[in-house]
Amino acid sequence: MGQKNVQQDIGDQFNDVISRLQSKQLFQSDWDIASFAIFFIFIGVILTLVILVLIRCWCCYCCDDEKPRRNKVGIENYGLEP
């Protein structure tokens, strides 16, 4: 009985999607549009962060050997030492 109920639910959802596509009205309310927009903004932010991390790692990996070591410039302030 549970298997038939699940199959019926999936069939109903499939028919609902097909009817929405045929009527060209994918969203039924403003909440549908808002949740769709928030979902894709979230996915976009995550993908942007992943791309930035990959760029940062790639740049550090490539340019790490070419960085010159910093030498101290100026004079020591011995008054700040304990």
PDB file of N, CA and C in Angstrom:
ATOM      1  N   MET A   1       0.821  -1.190   0.000  1.00  0.00           N
ATOM      2  CA  MET A   1       0.000   0.000   0.000  1.00  0.00           C
ATOM      3  C   MET A   1       0.865   1.253   0.000  1.00  0.00           C
ATOM      4  N   GLY A   2       1.968   1.244   0.719  1.00  0.00           N
ATOM      5  CA  GLY A   2       2.850   2.390   0.786  1.00  0.00           C
ATOM      6  C   GLY A   2       3.500   2.684  -0.565  1.00  0.00           C
ATOM      7  N   GLN A   3       3.845   1.613  -1.314  1.00  0.00           N
ATOM      8  CA  GLN A   3       4.485   1.784  -2.619  1.00  0.00           C
ATOM      9  C   GLN A   3       3.526   2.443  -3.609  1.00  0.00           C
ATOM     10  N   LYS A   4       2.255   2.044  -3.587  1.00  0.00           N
ATOM     11  CA  LYS A   4       1.272   2.651  -4.491  1.00  0.00           C
ATOM     12  C   LYS A   4       1.058   4.122  -4.153  1.00  0.00           C
ATOM     13  N   ASN A   5       1.053   4.436  -2.867  1.00  0.00           N
ATOM     14  CA  ASN A   5       0.848   5.810  -2.431  1.00  0.00           C
ATOM     15  C   ASN A   5       2.007   6.702  -2.894  1.00  0.00           C
ATOM     16  N   VAL A   6       3.234   6.197  -2.794  1.00  0.00           N
ATOM     17  CA  VAL A   6       4.401   6.955  -3.229  1.00  0.00           C
ATOM     18  C   VAL A   6       4.366   7.148  -4.745  1.00  0.00           C
ATOM     19  N   GLN A   7       4.025   6.094  -5.469  1.00  0.00           N
ATOM     20  CA  GLN A   7       3.933   6.195  -6.926  1.00  0.00           C
ATOM     21  C   GLN A   7       2.842   7.182  -7.340  1.00  0.00           C
ATOM     22  N   GLN A   8       1.736   7.186  -6.631  1.00  0.00           N
ATOM     23  CA  GLN A   8       0.640   8.105  -6.931  1.00  0.00           C
ATOM     24  C   GLN A   8       1.076   9.552  -6.665  1.00  0.00           C
ATOM     25  N   ASP A   9       1.791   9.773  -5.556  1.00  0.00           N
ATOM     26  CA  ASP A   9       2.278  11.119  -5.245  1.00  0.00           C
ATOM     27  C   ASP A   9       3.264  11.620  -6.303  1.00  0.00           C
ATOM     28  N   ILE A  10       4.168  10.758  -6.721  1.00  0.00           N
ATOM     29  CA  ILE A  10       5.134  11.140  -7.748  1.00  0.00           C
ATOM     30  C   ILE A  10       4.418  11.432  -9.061  1.00  0.00           C
ATOM     31  N   GLY A  11       3.453  10.619  -9.396  1.00  0.00           N
ATOM     32  CA  GLY A  11       2.669  10.854 -10.614  1.00  0.00           C
ATOM     33  C   GLY A  11       1.906  12.170 -10.551  1.00  0.00           C
ATOM     34  N   ASP A  12       1.330  12.481  -9.392  1.00  0.00           N
ATOM     35  CA  ASP A  12       0.605  13.749  -9.232  1.00  0.00           C
ATOM     36  C   ASP A  12       1.542  14.947  -9.360  1.00  0.00           C
ATOM     37  N   GLN A  13       2.726  14.848  -8.756  1.00  0.00           N
ATOM     38  CA  GLN A  13       3.694  15.944  -8.857  1.00  0.00           C
ATOM     39  C   GLN A  13       4.175  16.113 -10.296  1.00  0.00           C
ATOM     40  N   PHE A  14       4.401  15.018 -10.984  1.00  0.00           N
ATOM     41  CA  PHE A  14       4.826  15.084 -12.376  1.00  0.00           C
ATOM     42  C   PHE A  14       3.758  15.741 -13.239  1.00  0.00           C
ATOM     43  N   ASN A  15       2.510  15.344 -13.021  1.00  0.00           N
ATOM     44  CA  ASN A  15       1.402  15.941 -13.780  1.00  0.00           C
ATOM     45  C   ASN A  15       1.253  17.426 -13.457  1.00  0.00           C
ATOM     46  N   ASP A  16       1.499  17.808 -12.208  1.00  0.00           N
ATOM     47  CA  ASP A  16       1.431  19.214 -11.819  1.00  0.00           C
ATOM     48  C   ASP A  16       2.504  20.024 -12.535  1.00  0.00           C
ATOM     49  N   VAL A  17       3.716  19.485 -12.604  1.00  0.00           N
ATOM     50  CA  VAL A  17       4.811  20.180 -13.300  1.00  0.00           C
ATOM     51  C   VAL A  17       4.496  20.305 -14.779  1.00  0.00           C
ATOM     52  N   ILE A  18       3.997  19.245 -15.391  1.00  0.00           N
ATOM     53  CA  ILE A  18       3.652  19.283 -16.815  1.00  0.00           C
ATOM     54  C   ILE A  18       2.552  20.299 -17.079  1.00  0.00           C
ATOM     55  N   SER A  19       1.548  20.358 -16.215  1.00  0.00           N
ATOM     56  CA  SER A  19       0.467  21.326 -16.418  1.00  0.00           C
ATOM     57  C   SER A  19       0.968  22.761 -16.242  1.00  0.00           C
ATOM     58  N   ARG A  20       1.900  22.986 -15.309  1.00  0.00           N
ATOM     59  CA  ARG A  20       2.480  24.333 -15.141  1.00  0.00           C
ATOM     60  C   ARG A  20       3.295  24.728 -16.361  1.00  0.00           C
ATOM     61  N   LEU A  21       4.055  23.775 -16.900  1.00  0.00           N
ATOM     62  CA  LEU A  21       4.845  24.078 -18.094  1.00  0.00           C
ATOM     63  C   LEU A  21       3.941  24.384 -19.288  1.00  0.00           C
ATOM     64  N   GLN A  22       2.838  23.665 -19.417  1.00  0.00           N
ATOM     65  CA  GLN A  22       1.925  23.905 -20.529  1.00  0.00           C
ATOM     66  C   GLN A  22       1.214  25.245 -20.393  1.00  0.00           C
ATOM     67  N   SER A  23       0.891  25.641 -19.158  1.00  0.00           N
ATOM     68  CA  SER A  23       0.194  26.911 -18.953  1.00  0.00           C
ATOM     69  C   SER A  23       1.165  28.085 -18.874  1.00  0.00           C
ATOM     70  N   LYS A  24       2.467  27.803 -18.892  1.00  0.00           N
ATOM     71  CA  LYS A  24       3.532  28.816 -18.804  1.00  0.00           C
ATOM     72  C   LYS A  24       3.408  29.661 -17.538  1.00  0.00           C
ATOM     73  N   GLN A  25       2.881  29.080 -16.488  1.00  0.00           N
ATOM     74  CA  GLN A  25       2.786  29.744 -15.191  1.00  0.00           C
ATOM     75  C   GLN A  25       3.494  28.848 -14.178  1.00  0.00           C
ATOM     76  N   LEU A  26       4.818  29.049 -14.069  1.00  0.00           N
ATOM     77  CA  LEU A  26       5.627  28.173 -13.220  1.00  0.00           C
ATOM     78  C   LEU A  26       5.449  28.481 -11.743  1.00  0.00           C
ATOM     79  N   PHE A  27       5.175  29.752 -11.413  1.00  0.00           N
ATOM     80  CA  PHE A  27       5.061  30.150 -10.021  1.00  0.00           C
ATOM     81  C   PHE A  27       3.623  30.520  -9.719  1.00  0.00           C
ATOM     82  N   GLN A  28       3.115  30.006  -8.611  1.00  0.00           N
ATOM     83  CA  GLN A  28       1.726  30.259  -8.260  1.00  0.00           C
ATOM     84  C   GLN A  28       1.564  31.478  -7.365  1.00  0.00           C
ATOM     85  N   SER A  29       2.606  31.847  -6.655  1.00  0.00           N
ATOM     86  CA  SER A  29       2.468  32.976  -5.742  1.00  0.00           C
ATOM     87  C   SER A  29       3.790  33.751  -5.683  1.00  0.00           C
ATOM     88  N   ASP A  30       3.742  34.873  -4.991  1.00  0.00           N
ATOM     89  CA  ASP A  30       4.960  35.668  -4.798  1.00  0.00           C
ATOM     90  C   ASP A  30       5.981  34.942  -3.940  1.00  0.00           C
ATOM     91  N   TRP A  31       5.501  34.090  -3.036  1.00  0.00           N
ATOM     92  CA  TRP A  31       6.422  33.330  -2.192  1.00  0.00           C
ATOM     93  C   TRP A  31       7.234  32.342  -3.019  1.00  0.00           C
ATOM     94  N   ASP A  32       6.627  31.772  -4.046  1.00  0.00           N
ATOM     95  CA  ASP A  32       7.365  30.872  -4.932  1.00  0.00           C
ATOM     96  C   ASP A  32       8.496  31.614  -5.630  1.00  0.00           C
ATOM     97  N   ILE A  33       8.210  32.807  -6.111  1.00  0.00           N
ATOM     98  CA  ILE A  33       9.215  33.606  -6.802  1.00  0.00           C
ATOM     99  C   ILE A  33      10.323  34.004  -5.831  1.00  0.00           C
ATOM    100  N   ALA A  34       9.953  34.426  -4.629  1.00  0.00           N
ATOM    101  CA  ALA A  34      10.943  34.847  -3.641  1.00  0.00           C
ATOM    102  C   ALA A  34      11.840  33.683  -3.221  1.00  0.00           C
ATOM    103  N   SER A  35      11.264  32.533  -2.977  1.00  0.00           N
ATOM    104  CA  SER A  35      12.079  31.386  -2.566  1.00  0.00           C
ATOM    105  C   SER A  35      12.994  30.935  -3.704  1.00  0.00           C
ATOM    106  N   PHE A  36      12.513  31.002  -4.929  1.00  0.00           N
ATOM    107  CA  PHE A  36      13.327  30.659  -6.090  1.00  0.00           C
ATOM    108  C   PHE A  36      14.511  31.616  -6.205  1.00  0.00           C
ATOM    109  N   ALA A  37      14.259  32.907  -6.038  1.00  0.00           N
ATOM    110  CA  ALA A  37      15.319  33.910  -6.125  1.00  0.00           C
ATOM    111  C   ALA A  37      16.333  33.740  -4.993  1.00  0.00           C
ATOM    112  N   ILE A  38      15.866  33.530  -3.777  1.00  0.00           N
ATOM    113  CA  ILE A  38      16.766  33.351  -2.632  1.00  0.00           C
ATOM    114  C   ILE A  38      17.622  32.101  -2.809  1.00  0.00           C
ATOM    115  N   PHE A  39      17.039  31.036  -3.307  1.00  0.00           N
ATOM    116  CA  PHE A  39      17.777  29.801  -3.550  1.00  0.00           C
ATOM    117  C   PHE A  39      18.908  30.032  -4.553  1.00  0.00           C
ATOM    118  N   PHE A  40      18.612  30.701  -5.657  1.00  0.00           N
ATOM    119  CA  PHE A  40      19.642  30.906  -6.666  1.00  0.00           C
ATOM    120  C   PHE A  40      20.669  31.949  -6.235  1.00  0.00           C
ATOM    121  N   ILE A  41      20.286  32.913  -5.433  1.00  0.00           N
ATOM    122  CA  ILE A  41      21.264  33.845  -4.885  1.00  0.00           C
ATOM    123  C   ILE A  41      22.217  33.097  -3.957  1.00  0.00           C
ATOM    124  N   PHE A  42      21.691  32.213  -3.129  1.00  0.00           N
ATOM    125  CA  PHE A  42      22.521  31.404  -2.230  1.00  0.00           C
ATOM    126  C   PHE A  42      23.495  30.538  -3.020  1.00  0.00           C
ATOM    127  N   ILE A  43      23.008  29.864  -4.045  1.00  0.00           N
ATOM    128  CA  ILE A  43      23.869  29.018  -4.877  1.00  0.00           C
ATOM    129  C   ILE A  43      24.937  29.876  -5.568  1.00  0.00           C
ATOM    130  N   GLY A  44      24.555  31.051  -6.039  1.00  0.00           N
ATOM    131  CA  GLY A  44      25.510  31.946  -6.685  1.00  0.00           C
ATOM    132  C   GLY A  44      26.602  32.406  -5.740  1.00  0.00           C
ATOM    133  N   VAL A  45      26.233  32.738  -4.505  1.00  0.00           N
ATOM    134  CA  VAL A  45      27.228  33.167  -3.516  1.00  0.00           C
ATOM    135  C   VAL A  45      28.190  32.021  -3.194  1.00  0.00           C
ATOM    136  N   ILE A  46      27.665  30.835  -3.022  1.00  0.00           N
ATOM    137  CA  ILE A  46      28.518  29.678  -2.730  1.00  0.00           C
ATOM    138  C   ILE A  46      29.479  29.422  -3.878  1.00  0.00           C
ATOM    139  N   LEU A  47      28.986  29.454  -5.115  1.00  0.00           N
ATOM    140  CA  LEU A  47      29.866  29.230  -6.262  1.00  0.00           C
ATOM    141  C   LEU A  47      30.921  30.325  -6.391  1.00  0.00           C
ATOM    142  N   THR A  48      30.531  31.570  -6.118  1.00  0.00           N
ATOM    143  CA  THR A  48      31.491  32.669  -6.156  1.00  0.00           C
ATOM    144  C   THR A  48      32.589  32.476  -5.121  1.00  0.00           C
ATOM    145  N   LEU A  49      32.223  32.087  -3.910  1.00  0.00           N
ATOM    146  CA  LEU A  49      33.218  31.851  -2.866  1.00  0.00           C
ATOM    147  C   LEU A  49      34.147  30.697  -3.221  1.00  0.00           C
ATOM    148  N   VAL A  50      33.603  29.646  -3.795  1.00  0.00           N
ATOM    149  CA  VAL A  50      34.438  28.508  -4.197  1.00  0.00           C
ATOM    150  C   VAL A  50      35.413  28.937  -5.285  1.00  0.00           C
ATOM    151  N   ILE A  51      34.946  29.715  -6.245  1.00  0.00           N
ATOM    152  CA  ILE A  51      35.835  30.192  -7.309  1.00  0.00           C
ATOM    153  C   ILE A  51      36.928  31.087  -6.735  1.00  0.00           C
ATOM    154  N   LEU A  52      36.581  31.972  -5.798  1.00  0.00           N
ATOM    155  CA  LEU A  52      37.585  32.836  -5.185  1.00  0.00           C
ATOM    156  C   LEU A  52      38.624  32.029  -4.411  1.00  0.00           C
ATOM    157  N   VAL A  53      38.195  31.007  -3.701  1.00  0.00           N
ATOM    158  CA  VAL A  53      39.130  30.150  -2.964  1.00  0.00           C
ATOM    159  C   VAL A  53      40.055  29.421  -3.935  1.00  0.00           C
ATOM    160  N   LEU A  54      39.499  28.913  -5.027  1.00  0.00           N
ATOM    161  CA  LEU A  54      40.336  28.221  -6.006  1.00  0.00           C
ATOM    162  C   LEU A  54      41.338  29.171  -6.650  1.00  0.00           C
ATOM    163  N   ILE A  55      40.921  30.383  -6.960  1.00  0.00           N
ATOM    164  CA  ILE A  55      41.845  31.368  -7.532  1.00  0.00           C
ATOM    165  C   ILE A  55      42.941  31.699  -6.532  1.00  0.00           C
ATOM    166  N   ARG A  56      42.570  31.895  -5.273  1.00  0.00           N
ATOM    167  CA  ARG A  56      43.559  32.224  -4.236  1.00  0.00           C
ATOM    168  C   ARG A  56      44.565  31.085  -4.069  1.00  0.00           C
ATOM    169  N   CYS A  57      44.076  29.853  -4.016  1.00  0.00           N
ATOM    170  CA  CYS A  57      44.980  28.713  -3.859  1.00  0.00           C
ATOM    171  C   CYS A  57      45.887  28.566  -5.074  1.00  0.00           C
ATOM    172  N   TRP A  58      45.347  28.768  -6.266  1.00  0.00           N
ATOM    173  CA  TRP A  58      46.132  28.646  -7.484  1.00  0.00           C
ATOM    174  C   TRP A  58      47.208  29.728  -7.548  1.00  0.00           C
ATOM    175  N   CYS A  59      46.840  30.951  -7.178  1.00  0.00           N
ATOM    176  CA  CYS A  59      47.816  32.043  -7.198  1.00  0.00           C
ATOM    177  C   CYS A  59      48.911  31.827  -6.154  1.00  0.00           C
ATOM    178  N   CYS A  60      48.560  31.380  -4.977  1.00  0.00           N
ATOM    179  CA  CYS A  60      49.563  31.132  -3.939  1.00  0.00           C
ATOM    180  C   CYS A  60      50.474  29.984  -4.343  1.00  0.00           C
ATOM    181  N   TYR A  61      49.923  28.994  -4.991  1.00  0.00           N
ATOM    182  CA  TYR A  61      50.715  27.841  -5.409  1.00  0.00           C
ATOM    183  C   TYR A  61      51.705  28.240  -6.506  1.00  0.00           C
ATOM    184  N   CYS A  62      51.249  29.057  -7.456  1.00  0.00           N
ATOM    185  CA  CYS A  62      52.115  29.446  -8.574  1.00  0.00           C
ATOM    186  C   CYS A  62      53.142  30.493  -8.167  1.00  0.00           C
ATOM    187  N   CYS A  63      52.755  31.448  -7.382  1.00  0.00           N
ATOM    188  CA  CYS A  63      53.600  32.608  -7.099  1.00  0.00           C
ATOM    189  C   CYS A  63      54.379  32.480  -5.799  1.00  0.00           C
ATOM    190  N   ASP A  64      54.258  31.395  -5.088  1.00  0.00           N
ATOM    191  CA  ASP A  64      54.891  31.267  -3.776  1.00  0.00           C
ATOM    192  C   ASP A  64      56.409  31.280  -3.876  1.00  0.00           C
ATOM    193  N   ASP A  65      56.977  30.661  -4.896  1.00  0.00           N
ATOM    194  CA  ASP A  65      58.430  30.583  -5.021  1.00  0.00           C
ATOM    195  C   ASP A  65      59.035  31.914  -5.464  1.00  0.00           C
ATOM    196  N   GLU A  66      58.280  32.737  -6.145  1.00  0.00           N
ATOM    197  CA  GLU A  66      58.820  33.964  -6.706  1.00  0.00           C
ATOM    198  C   GLU A  66      58.771  35.139  -5.739  1.00  0.00           C
ATOM    199  N   LYS A  67      58.167  34.989  -4.567  1.00  0.00           N
ATOM    200  CA  LYS A  67      58.060  36.096  -3.620  1.00  0.00           C
ATOM    201  C   LYS A  67      59.425  36.393  -3.006  1.00  0.00           C
ATOM    202  N   PRO A  68      59.866  37.638  -3.042  1.00  0.00           N
ATOM    203  CA  PRO A  68      61.116  37.964  -2.352  1.00  0.00           C
ATOM    204  C   PRO A  68      60.863  38.041  -0.855  1.00  0.00           C
ATOM    205  N   ARG A  69      61.864  37.697  -0.097  1.00  0.00           N
ATOM    206  CA  ARG A  69      61.747  37.783   1.357  1.00  0.00           C
ATOM    207  C   ARG A  69      61.859  39.234   1.775  1.00  0.00           C
ATOM    208  N   ARG A  70      61.062  39.631   2.728  1.00  0.00           N
ATOM    209  CA  ARG A  70      61.078  41.024   3.177  1.00  0.00           C
ATOM    210  C   ARG A  70      62.229  41.244   4.152  1.00  0.00           C
ATOM    211  N   ASN A  71      62.947  42.292   3.924  1.00  0.00           N
ATOM    212  CA  ASN A  71      64.011  42.704   4.828  1.00  0.00           C
ATOM    213  C   ASN A  71      63.506  43.897   5.629  1.00  0.00           C
ATOM    214  N   LYS A  72      63.981  44.011   6.842  1.00  0.00           N
ATOM    215  CA  LYS A  72      63.573  45.141   7.670  1.00  0.00           C
ATOM    216  C   LYS A  72      64.161  46.425   7.112  1.00  0.00           C
ATOM    217  N   VAL A  73      63.328  47.445   7.104  1.00  0.00           N
ATOM    218  CA  VAL A  73      63.758  48.743   6.610  1.00  0.00           C
ATOM    219  C   VAL A  73      63.644  49.731   7.762  1.00  0.00           C
ATOM    220  N   GLY A  74      64.642  50.566   7.942  1.00  0.00           N
ATOM    221  CA  GLY A  74      64.575  51.568   8.992  1.00  0.00           C
ATOM    222  C   GLY A  74      65.477  51.213  10.153  1.00  0.00           C
ATOM    223  N   ILE A  75      65.213  51.827  11.265  1.00  0.00           N
ATOM    224  CA  ILE A  75      66.053  51.616  12.445  1.00  0.00           C
ATOM    225  C   ILE A  75      65.228  50.954  13.534  1.00  0.00           C
ATOM    226  N   GLU A  76      65.920  50.267  14.443  1.00  0.00           N
ATOM    227  CA  GLU A  76      65.249  49.631  15.569  1.00  0.00           C
ATOM    228  C   GLU A  76      64.943  50.666  16.633  1.00  0.00           C
ATOM    229  N   ASN A  77      63.776  50.552  17.226  1.00  0.00           N
ATOM    230  CA  ASN A  77      63.418  51.429  18.338  1.00  0.00           C
ATOM    231  C   ASN A  77      63.626  50.634  19.619  1.00  0.00           C
ATOM    232  N   TYR A  78      64.754  50.805  20.227  1.00  0.00           N
ATOM    233  CA  TYR A  78      65.082  50.037  21.426  1.00  0.00           C
ATOM    234  C   TYR A  78      64.268  50.500  22.628  1.00  0.00           C
ATOM    235  N   GLY A  79      63.611  51.611  22.542  1.00  0.00           N
ATOM    236  CA  GLY A  79      62.789  52.082  23.639  1.00  0.00           C
ATOM    237  C   GLY A  79      61.531  51.256  23.836  1.00  0.00           C
ATOM    238  N   LEU A  80      61.114  50.528  22.801  1.00  0.00           N
ATOM    239  CA  LEU A  80      59.917  49.707  22.907  1.00  0.00           C
ATOM    240  C   LEU A  80      60.205  48.296  23.453  1.00  0.00           C
ATOM    241  N   GLU A  81      61.486  47.935  23.532  1.00  0.00           N
ATOM    242  CA  GLU A  81      61.813  46.608  24.027  1.00  0.00           C
ATOM    243  C   GLU A  81      61.804  46.617  25.548  1.00  0.00           C
ATOM    244  N   PRO A  82      61.426  45.498  26.171  1.00  0.00           N
ATOM    245  CA  PRO A  82      61.360  45.437  27.638  1.00  0.00           C
ATOM    246  C   PRO A  82      62.713  45.444  28.306  1.00  0.00           C
TER     247      PRO A  82
END
